[in-house]
Amino acid sequence: MATPSSFPNAPPTNHHTPQRPSRRDTLAAILPFVQAMADAPSSSLGCFAPTRAAAFAGSPSRIYSPALPYSAAHGHLGMCTDGLLDLAEYENTLIMIDGENIDASSNRRGCRFAWKHFLQLVRSITRVEGAHYFSTINSSEIDALRSAVREAGYTPHLTDSNLLHPGGQRTTNSDSRLLLETARRLLEERPSSILLMTGDGELGASIAEFVSSLDPAPFLIVAAVPGSCAQRLDASMNPLITSNVWIGTDLLDPMLS
């Protein structure tokens, strides 16, 4: 796992050092959950599809196994999500999600992200302080998406894409709202780590700069779909990012025609 200390020329950081349970202990703790999820019907796992709100039939086997080959940082989709178990190192985690980015990145792979399953899996690994899903969507779909997001266990922050600003421009994304809400929650809740789900380089870099200014600064983990993540959000290249979670096929459901 890449950390700021891996970079000899990196500026000093204010990261605190959490207690680290062994990887074996973490695996033992989540094995019952993993087995149960492997046998769960897809309808209980939940996806925001095909209108980003309705579930669809059929899903791959739900098995998270670190013995399977991990994905490369960019391009190849691994059989399992790489880096998720590292969340066990932190006391608690705040999850902030660029929903449009993750949904679009998954769709480009011919898949839909398994949102409900993902949150259940993360909760089996670490204490989740909050999981917030941001998206801009057409007014005709906003109510259905809001209900689906809540049912999956997330707090929805949805913006009507038909909303006009004073200058006559439409709202194109939720980046500003996500950035401001992330800053507010970090200042108020002071989590030990933040899981930022986005591949957007500009948004991710802005949040990383803010996180690094805090004292103490929480650990920042960026989750994205391989091949749809800006290079500057790769922890091996950016000392402000602690590590990455590379989403694999265990969290992606193939779209049915």
C-alpha atoms as a PDB file:
ATOM      1  CA  MET A   1       0.000   0.000   0.000  1.00  0.00           C
ATOM      2  CA  ALA A   2       1.421   3.356  -1.001  1.00  0.00           C
ATOM      3  CA  THR A   3       1.611   5.970   1.739  1.00  0.00           C
ATOM      4  CA  PRO A   4       2.999   9.509   1.780  1.00  0.00           C
ATOM      5  CA  SER A   5       6.100   8.201   3.567  1.00  0.00           C
ATOM      6  CA  SER A   6       6.895   6.150   0.461  1.00  0.00           C
ATOM      7  CA  PHE A   7       7.982   9.335  -1.286  1.00  0.00           C
ATOM      8  CA  PRO A   8      11.321  10.714  -0.029  1.00  0.00           C
ATOM      9  CA  ASN A   9      10.662  14.227  -1.321  1.00  0.00           C
ATOM     10  CA  ALA A  10       7.091  14.456  -0.117  1.00  0.00           C
ATOM     11  CA  PRO A  11       6.210  17.239   2.342  1.00  0.00           C
ATOM     12  CA  PRO A  12       5.546  16.237   5.973  1.00  0.00           C
ATOM     13  CA  THR A  13       2.004  15.091   6.670  1.00  0.00           C
ATOM     14  CA  ASN A  14      -0.175  15.127   9.747  1.00  0.00           C
ATOM     15  CA  HIS A  15      -1.430  11.558   9.384  1.00  0.00           C
ATOM     16  CA  HIS A  16      -1.884   9.707  12.656  1.00  0.00           C
ATOM     17  CA  THR A  17      -0.946   6.037  12.933  1.00  0.00           C
ATOM     18  CA  PRO A  18      -3.942   3.733  13.468  1.00  0.00           C
ATOM     19  CA  GLN A  19      -3.799   0.346  15.129  1.00  0.00           C
ATOM     20  CA  ARG A  20      -3.437  -2.351  12.505  1.00  0.00           C
ATOM     21  CA  PRO A  21      -5.295  -5.640  12.933  1.00  0.00           C
ATOM     22  CA  SER A  22      -3.648  -8.508  11.131  1.00  0.00           C
ATOM     23  CA  ARG A  23      -4.872  -9.315   7.642  1.00  0.00           C
ATOM     24  CA  ARG A  24      -5.629 -12.853   8.843  1.00  0.00           C
ATOM     25  CA  ASP A  25      -7.875 -11.522  11.634  1.00  0.00           C
ATOM     26  CA  THR A  26      -9.696  -9.288   9.161  1.00  0.00           C
ATOM     27  CA  LEU A  27     -10.302 -12.150   6.740  1.00  0.00           C
ATOM     28  CA  ALA A  28     -11.558 -14.389   9.542  1.00  0.00           C
ATOM     29  CA  ALA A  29     -14.002 -11.703  10.626  1.00  0.00           C
ATOM     30  CA  ILE A  30     -15.573 -11.218   7.198  1.00  0.00           C
ATOM     31  CA  LEU A  31     -15.624 -14.821   5.971  1.00  0.00           C
ATOM     32  CA  PRO A  32     -19.165 -15.539   7.272  1.00  0.00           C
ATOM     33  CA  PHE A  33     -20.407 -12.391   5.542  1.00  0.00           C
ATOM     34  CA  VAL A  34     -18.617 -13.294   2.304  1.00  0.00           C
ATOM     35  CA  GLN A  35     -20.152 -16.766   2.242  1.00  0.00           C
ATOM     36  CA  ALA A  36     -23.635 -15.370   2.833  1.00  0.00           C
ATOM     37  CA  MET A  37     -23.236 -12.784   0.079  1.00  0.00           C
ATOM     38  CA  ALA A  38     -21.972 -15.420  -2.354  1.00  0.00           C
ATOM     39  CA  ASP A  39     -25.302 -17.204  -2.037  1.00  0.00           C
ATOM     40  CA  ALA A  40     -27.498 -14.097  -2.049  1.00  0.00           C
ATOM     41  CA  PRO A  41     -29.873 -13.497  -4.982  1.00  0.00           C
ATOM     42  CA  SER A  42     -28.948 -10.538  -7.146  1.00  0.00           C
ATOM     43  CA  SER A  43     -32.214  -8.767  -6.387  1.00  0.00           C
ATOM     44  CA  SER A  44     -31.114  -8.409  -2.753  1.00  0.00           C
ATOM     45  CA  LEU A  45     -27.739  -6.904  -3.685  1.00  0.00           C
ATOM     46  CA  GLY A  46     -29.076  -3.911  -5.545  1.00  0.00           C
ATOM     47  CA  CYS A  47     -27.907  -1.874  -8.524  1.00  0.00           C
ATOM     48  CA  PHE A  48     -29.110   1.453  -9.864  1.00  0.00           C
ATOM     49  CA  ALA A  49     -30.195   0.197 -13.276  1.00  0.00           C
ATOM     50  CA  PRO A  50     -31.317   0.412 -16.065  1.00  0.00           C
ATOM     51  CA  THR A  51     -32.545   3.920 -15.204  1.00  0.00           C
ATOM     52  CA  ARG A  52     -29.989   3.961 -12.347  1.00  0.00           C
ATOM     53  CA  ALA A  53     -32.802   3.016  -9.991  1.00  0.00           C
ATOM     54  CA  ALA A  54     -34.320  -0.343 -10.958  1.00  0.00           C
ATOM     55  CA  ALA A  55     -32.613  -3.631 -10.104  1.00  0.00           C
ATOM     56  CA  PHE A  56     -32.027  -6.219 -12.827  1.00  0.00           C
ATOM     57  CA  ALA A  57     -31.891 -10.021 -12.818  1.00  0.00           C
ATOM     58  CA  GLY A  58     -28.643 -11.994 -12.869  1.00  0.00           C
ATOM     59  CA  SER A  59     -25.269 -11.397 -11.245  1.00  0.00           C
ATOM     60  CA  PRO A  60     -21.844 -13.025 -11.005  1.00  0.00           C
ATOM     61  CA  SER A  61     -20.873 -15.137  -8.001  1.00  0.00           C
ATOM     62  CA  ARG A  62     -20.370 -12.861  -4.988  1.00  0.00           C
ATOM     63  CA  ILE A  63     -17.013 -14.024  -3.664  1.00  0.00           C
ATOM     64  CA  TYR A  64     -14.349 -11.644  -2.371  1.00  0.00           C
ATOM     65  CA  SER A  65     -11.048 -13.523  -2.167  1.00  0.00           C
ATOM     66  CA  PRO A  66      -7.605 -11.924  -1.834  1.00  0.00           C
ATOM     67  CA  ALA A  67      -6.215 -15.166  -3.312  1.00  0.00           C
ATOM     68  CA  LEU A  68      -7.612 -14.168  -6.699  1.00  0.00           C
ATOM     69  CA  PRO A  69      -5.405 -12.031  -8.963  1.00  0.00           C
ATOM     70  CA  TYR A  70      -5.728  -8.312  -8.335  1.00  0.00           C
ATOM     71  CA  SER A  71      -6.324  -5.784 -11.081  1.00  0.00           C
ATOM     72  CA  ALA A  72      -3.611  -3.586 -12.487  1.00  0.00           C
ATOM     73  CA  ALA A  73      -3.880   0.064 -11.570  1.00  0.00           C
ATOM     74  CA  HIS A  74      -5.061   1.085 -15.026  1.00  0.00           C
ATOM     75  CA  GLY A  75      -6.766  -0.887 -17.748  1.00  0.00           C
ATOM     76  CA  HIS A  76      -7.270  -4.532 -16.782  1.00  0.00           C
ATOM     77  CA  LEU A  77     -10.248  -5.477 -14.628  1.00  0.00           C
ATOM     78  CA  GLY A  78      -9.261  -7.917 -11.915  1.00  0.00           C
ATOM     79  CA  MET A  79     -11.434 -10.743 -10.650  1.00  0.00           C
ATOM     80  CA  CYS A  80     -11.669  -9.095  -7.247  1.00  0.00           C
ATOM     81  CA  THR A  81     -11.499  -5.582  -5.873  1.00  0.00           C
ATOM     82  CA  ASP A  82      -7.943  -4.661  -4.877  1.00  0.00           C
ATOM     83  CA  GLY A  83      -7.277  -2.694  -1.698  1.00  0.00           C
ATOM     84  CA  LEU A  84     -10.615  -3.015   0.067  1.00  0.00           C
ATOM     85  CA  LEU A  85      -9.219  -4.970   3.017  1.00  0.00           C
ATOM     86  CA  ASP A  86      -6.832  -2.101   3.759  1.00  0.00           C
ATOM     87  CA  LEU A  87      -9.844  -0.243   5.204  1.00  0.00           C
ATOM     88  CA  ALA A  88      -9.589  -2.536   8.237  1.00  0.00           C
ATOM     89  CA  GLU A  89      -6.516  -0.526   9.285  1.00  0.00           C
ATOM     90  CA  TYR A  90      -8.630   2.548  10.078  1.00  0.00           C
ATOM     91  CA  GLU A  91     -10.876   3.198  13.058  1.00  0.00           C
ATOM     92  CA  ASN A  92     -13.713   4.556  10.920  1.00  0.00           C
ATOM     93  CA  THR A  93     -14.346   5.615   7.350  1.00  0.00           C
ATOM     94  CA  LEU A  94     -16.415   8.322   5.691  1.00  0.00           C
ATOM     95  CA  ILE A  95     -17.545   7.354   2.172  1.00  0.00           C
ATOM     96  CA  MET A  96     -18.099  10.135  -0.380  1.00  0.00           C
ATOM     97  CA  ILE A  97     -19.243   9.073  -3.861  1.00  0.00           C
ATOM     98  CA  ASP A  98     -19.194  10.746  -7.255  1.00  0.00           C
ATOM     99  CA  GLY A  99     -22.115   8.629  -8.409  1.00  0.00           C
ATOM    100  CA  GLU A 100     -22.134   9.829 -12.006  1.00  0.00           C
ATOM    101  CA  ASN A 101     -18.463   8.981 -12.427  1.00  0.00           C
ATOM    102  CA  ILE A 102     -18.619   5.485 -10.924  1.00  0.00           C
ATOM    103  CA  ASP A 103     -21.851   4.618 -12.747  1.00  0.00           C
ATOM    104  CA  ALA A 104     -20.526   5.877 -16.089  1.00  0.00           C
ATOM    105  CA  SER A 105     -17.162   4.120 -15.615  1.00  0.00           C
ATOM    106  CA  SER A 106     -18.951   0.859 -14.835  1.00  0.00           C
ATOM    107  CA  ASN A 107     -21.258   1.271 -17.827  1.00  0.00           C
ATOM    108  CA  ARG A 108     -18.283   1.724 -20.144  1.00  0.00           C
ATOM    109  CA  ARG A 109     -17.209  -1.750 -19.050  1.00  0.00           C
ATOM    110  CA  GLY A 110     -20.627  -3.100 -19.941  1.00  0.00           C
ATOM    111  CA  CYS A 111     -21.466  -3.430 -16.248  1.00  0.00           C
ATOM    112  CA  ARG A 112     -23.341  -1.817 -13.394  1.00  0.00           C
ATOM    113  CA  PHE A 113     -21.811  -1.226  -9.992  1.00  0.00           C
ATOM    114  CA  ALA A 114     -23.313  -3.341  -7.166  1.00  0.00           C
ATOM    115  CA  TRP A 115     -23.920  -0.500  -4.729  1.00  0.00           C
ATOM    116  CA  LYS A 116     -25.792  -2.366  -2.006  1.00  0.00           C
ATOM    117  CA  HIS A 117     -23.329  -5.242  -1.941  1.00  0.00           C
ATOM    118  CA  PHE A 118     -20.386  -2.839  -1.844  1.00  0.00           C
ATOM    119  CA  LEU A 119     -21.660  -1.006   1.228  1.00  0.00           C
ATOM    120  CA  GLN A 120     -22.436  -4.232   3.043  1.00  0.00           C
ATOM    121  CA  LEU A 121     -18.942  -5.480   2.295  1.00  0.00           C
ATOM    122  CA  VAL A 122     -17.266  -2.272   3.495  1.00  0.00           C
ATOM    123  CA  ARG A 123     -19.326  -2.348   6.700  1.00  0.00           C
ATOM    124  CA  SER A 124     -18.036  -5.849   7.382  1.00  0.00           C
ATOM    125  CA  ILE A 125     -14.467  -4.501   7.223  1.00  0.00           C
ATOM    126  CA  THR A 126     -14.605  -1.106   8.950  1.00  0.00           C
ATOM    127  CA  ARG A 127     -16.993   1.202  10.804  1.00  0.00           C
ATOM    128  CA  VAL A 128     -18.711   3.449   8.270  1.00  0.00           C
ATOM    129  CA  GLU A 129     -19.401   6.964   9.556  1.00  0.00           C
ATOM    130  CA  GLY A 130     -21.601   7.782   6.571  1.00  0.00           C
ATOM    131  CA  ALA A 131     -22.007   6.893   2.904  1.00  0.00           C
ATOM    132  CA  HIS A 132     -23.035   9.783   0.673  1.00  0.00           C
ATOM    133  CA  TYR A 133     -23.995   9.417  -2.988  1.00  0.00           C
ATOM    134  CA  PHE A 134     -23.912  12.518  -5.229  1.00  0.00           C
ATOM    135  CA  SER A 135     -25.358  12.769  -8.718  1.00  0.00           C
ATOM    136  CA  THR A 136     -27.038  15.077 -11.177  1.00  0.00           C
ATOM    137  CA  ILE A 137     -29.990  13.448 -12.892  1.00  0.00           C
ATOM    138  CA  ASN A 138     -33.060  14.301 -14.958  1.00  0.00           C
ATOM    139  CA  SER A 139     -36.057  15.397 -12.889  1.00  0.00           C
ATOM    140  CA  SER A 140     -38.157  12.529 -14.241  1.00  0.00           C
ATOM    141  CA  GLU A 141     -35.787   9.987 -12.643  1.00  0.00           C
ATOM    142  CA  ILE A 142     -34.741  11.783  -9.489  1.00  0.00           C
ATOM    143  CA  ASP A 143     -37.410  10.347  -7.156  1.00  0.00           C
ATOM    144  CA  ALA A 144     -36.775   6.749  -8.238  1.00  0.00           C
ATOM    145  CA  LEU A 145     -33.014   7.149  -7.851  1.00  0.00           C
ATOM    146  CA  ARG A 146     -33.390   8.787  -4.438  1.00  0.00           C
ATOM    147  CA  SER A 147     -35.473   5.851  -3.211  1.00  0.00           C
ATOM    148  CA  ALA A 148     -33.017   3.298  -4.620  1.00  0.00           C
ATOM    149  CA  VAL A 149     -30.022   5.047  -3.050  1.00  0.00           C
ATOM    150  CA  ARG A 150     -31.707   5.151   0.364  1.00  0.00           C
ATOM    151  CA  GLU A 151     -32.790   1.523   0.132  1.00  0.00           C
ATOM    152  CA  ALA A 152     -29.185   0.521  -0.581  1.00  0.00           C
ATOM    153  CA  GLY A 153     -28.069   2.275   2.617  1.00  0.00           C
ATOM    154  CA  TYR A 154     -26.641   5.530   1.237  1.00  0.00           C
ATOM    155  CA  THR A 155     -27.591   9.150   1.844  1.00  0.00           C
ATOM    156  CA  PRO A 156     -28.651  10.665  -1.505  1.00  0.00           C
ATOM    157  CA  HIS A 157     -27.502  14.123  -2.597  1.00  0.00           C
ATOM    158  CA  LEU A 158     -29.213  14.542  -5.959  1.00  0.00           C
ATOM    159  CA  THR A 159     -29.411  17.605  -8.170  1.00  0.00           C
ATOM    160  CA  ASP A 160     -31.993  18.169 -10.895  1.00  0.00           C
ATOM    161  CA  SER A 161     -30.141  18.450 -14.224  1.00  0.00           C
ATOM    162  CA  ASN A 162     -32.958  20.654 -15.538  1.00  0.00           C
ATOM    163  CA  LEU A 163     -32.242  23.286 -12.905  1.00  0.00           C
ATOM    164  CA  LEU A 164     -31.264  26.592 -14.490  1.00  0.00           C
ATOM    165  CA  HIS A 165     -28.777  28.977 -12.905  1.00  0.00           C
ATOM    166  CA  PRO A 166     -29.307  32.767 -13.070  1.00  0.00           C
ATOM    167  CA  GLY A 167     -27.127  32.930 -16.186  1.00  0.00           C
ATOM    168  CA  GLY A 168     -29.304  30.371 -17.941  1.00  0.00           C
ATOM    169  CA  GLN A 169     -26.823  27.496 -17.628  1.00  0.00           C
ATOM    170  CA  ARG A 170     -27.934  24.036 -16.602  1.00  0.00           C
ATOM    171  CA  THR A 171     -26.378  22.026 -13.760  1.00  0.00           C
ATOM    172  CA  THR A 172     -23.991  19.577 -15.444  1.00  0.00           C
ATOM    173  CA  ASN A 173     -22.602  17.684 -12.427  1.00  0.00           C
ATOM    174  CA  SER A 174     -22.486  17.548  -8.635  1.00  0.00           C
ATOM    175  CA  ASP A 175     -18.764  18.201  -8.187  1.00  0.00           C
ATOM    176  CA  SER A 176     -19.113  21.492  -6.314  1.00  0.00           C
ATOM    177  CA  ARG A 177     -21.736  20.095  -3.985  1.00  0.00           C
ATOM    178  CA  LEU A 178     -19.665  16.978  -3.315  1.00  0.00           C
ATOM    179  CA  LEU A 179     -16.556  19.057  -2.596  1.00  0.00           C
ATOM    180  CA  LEU A 180     -18.339  21.387  -0.166  1.00  0.00           C
ATOM    181  CA  GLU A 181     -20.157  18.567   1.626  1.00  0.00           C
ATOM    182  CA  THR A 182     -16.939  16.581   1.956  1.00  0.00           C
ATOM    183  CA  ALA A 183     -15.181  19.558   3.533  1.00  0.00           C
ATOM    184  CA  ARG A 184     -18.061  20.164   5.938  1.00  0.00           C
ATOM    185  CA  ARG A 185     -18.270  16.549   7.077  1.00  0.00           C
ATOM    186  CA  LEU A 186     -14.518  16.190   7.504  1.00  0.00           C
ATOM    187  CA  LEU A 187     -14.442  19.263   9.738  1.00  0.00           C
ATOM    188  CA  GLU A 188     -17.478  18.208  11.783  1.00  0.00           C
ATOM    189  CA  GLU A 189     -17.035  14.429  12.011  1.00  0.00           C
ATOM    190  CA  ARG A 190     -13.218  14.062  11.946  1.00  0.00           C
ATOM    191  CA  PRO A 191     -13.102  10.482  10.590  1.00  0.00           C
ATOM    192  CA  SER A 192      -9.797   8.628  10.638  1.00  0.00           C
ATOM    193  CA  SER A 193     -10.130   7.895   6.915  1.00  0.00           C
ATOM    194  CA  ILE A 194     -12.155   8.935   3.890  1.00  0.00           C
ATOM    195  CA  LEU A 195     -13.009   6.677   0.962  1.00  0.00           C
ATOM    196  CA  LEU A 196     -13.503   8.906  -2.068  1.00  0.00           C
ATOM    197  CA  MET A 197     -15.141   7.120  -4.986  1.00  0.00           C
ATOM    198  CA  THR A 198     -14.296   8.927  -8.218  1.00  0.00           C
ATOM    199  CA  GLY A 199     -11.980   8.799 -11.195  1.00  0.00           C
ATOM    200  CA  ASP A 200     -12.302  12.545 -11.825  1.00  0.00           C
ATOM    201  CA  GLY A 201      -8.815  14.021 -11.525  1.00  0.00           C
ATOM    202  CA  GLU A 202      -9.813  17.628 -10.919  1.00  0.00           C
ATOM    203  CA  LEU A 203     -12.391  16.774  -8.255  1.00  0.00           C
ATOM    204  CA  GLY A 204     -10.169  14.183  -6.576  1.00  0.00           C
ATOM    205  CA  ALA A 205      -7.113  16.425  -6.544  1.00  0.00           C
ATOM    206  CA  SER A 206      -9.094  19.291  -4.999  1.00  0.00           C
ATOM    207  CA  ILE A 207     -10.360  17.054  -2.203  1.00  0.00           C
ATOM    208  CA  ALA A 208      -6.871  15.604  -1.676  1.00  0.00           C
ATOM    209  CA  GLU A 209      -5.424  19.095  -1.208  1.00  0.00           C
ATOM    210  CA  PHE A 210      -8.096  19.975   1.340  1.00  0.00           C
ATOM    211  CA  VAL A 211      -7.639  16.702   3.238  1.00  0.00           C
ATOM    212  CA  SER A 212      -3.876  17.269   3.484  1.00  0.00           C
ATOM    213  CA  SER A 213      -4.482  20.691   5.077  1.00  0.00           C
ATOM    214  CA  LEU A 214      -6.297  19.208   8.083  1.00  0.00           C
ATOM    215  CA  ASP A 215      -4.576  18.548  11.401  1.00  0.00           C
ATOM    216  CA  PRO A 216      -4.689  15.680  11.985  1.00  0.00           C
ATOM    217  CA  ALA A 217      -5.266  14.721   8.383  1.00  0.00           C
ATOM    218  CA  PRO A 218      -7.400  11.636   7.726  1.00  0.00           C
ATOM    219  CA  PHE A 219      -6.116   8.933   5.431  1.00  0.00           C
ATOM    220  CA  LEU A 220      -7.456   9.374   1.889  1.00  0.00           C
ATOM    221  CA  ILE A 221      -8.315   6.280  -0.142  1.00  0.00           C
ATOM    222  CA  VAL A 222      -9.512   6.744  -3.724  1.00  0.00           C
ATOM    223  CA  ALA A 223     -11.709   4.063  -5.307  1.00  0.00           C
ATOM    224  CA  ALA A 224     -12.231   3.893  -9.067  1.00  0.00           C
ATOM    225  CA  VAL A 225     -12.752   1.556 -11.997  1.00  0.00           C
ATOM    226  CA  PRO A 226      -9.392   0.694 -13.633  1.00  0.00           C
ATOM    227  CA  GLY A 227      -8.968   2.531 -16.911  1.00  0.00           C
ATOM    228  CA  SER A 228     -11.390   5.276 -15.846  1.00  0.00           C
ATOM    229  CA  CYS A 229      -9.246   6.995 -13.232  1.00  0.00           C
ATOM    230  CA  ALA A 230      -7.088  10.070 -13.722  1.00  0.00           C
ATOM    231  CA  GLN A 231      -3.381   9.355 -13.289  1.00  0.00           C
ATOM    232  CA  ARG A 232      -3.021  11.969 -10.570  1.00  0.00           C
ATOM    233  CA  LEU A 233      -5.402   9.947  -8.373  1.00  0.00           C
ATOM    234  CA  ASP A 234      -3.056   6.953  -8.420  1.00  0.00           C
ATOM    235  CA  ALA A 235      -1.514   6.704  -4.941  1.00  0.00           C
ATOM    236  CA  SER A 236       1.778   5.500  -6.421  1.00  0.00           C
ATOM    237  CA  MET A 237       2.109   8.890  -8.132  1.00  0.00           C
ATOM    238  CA  ASN A 238       0.404  11.240  -5.674  1.00  0.00           C
ATOM    239  CA  PRO A 239       1.768  11.517  -2.100  1.00  0.00           C
ATOM    240  CA  LEU A 240      -1.477  13.107  -0.884  1.00  0.00           C
ATOM    241  CA  ILE A 241      -3.368   9.859  -1.513  1.00  0.00           C
ATOM    242  CA  THR A 242      -2.784   6.997   0.911  1.00  0.00           C
ATOM    243  CA  SER A 243      -3.957   4.117  -1.270  1.00  0.00           C
ATOM    244  CA  ASN A 244      -6.356   3.033  -3.992  1.00  0.00           C
ATOM    245  CA  VAL A 245      -9.232   0.610  -4.202  1.00  0.00           C
ATOM    246  CA  TRP A 246      -9.363  -0.743  -7.756  1.00  0.00           C
ATOM    247  CA  ILE A 247     -12.861  -2.032  -8.466  1.00  0.00           C
ATOM    248  CA  GLY A 248     -12.962  -5.555  -9.877  1.00  0.00           C
ATOM    249  CA  THR A 249     -15.532  -7.898 -11.358  1.00  0.00           C
ATOM    250  CA  ASP A 250     -16.742  -8.987  -7.905  1.00  0.00           C
ATOM    251  CA  LEU A 251     -18.479  -5.591  -7.639  1.00  0.00           C
ATOM    252  CA  LEU A 252     -19.616  -5.263 -11.252  1.00  0.00           C
ATOM    253  CA  ASP A 253     -22.760  -6.865 -12.658  1.00  0.00           C
ATOM    254  CA  PRO A 254     -22.838  -7.411 -16.445  1.00  0.00           C
ATOM    255  CA  MET A 255     -25.636  -5.464 -18.119  1.00  0.00           C
ATOM    256  CA  LEU A 256     -28.229  -7.608 -19.829  1.00  0.00           C
ATOM    257  CA  SER A 257     -29.521  -6.724 -23.275  1.00  0.00           C
END
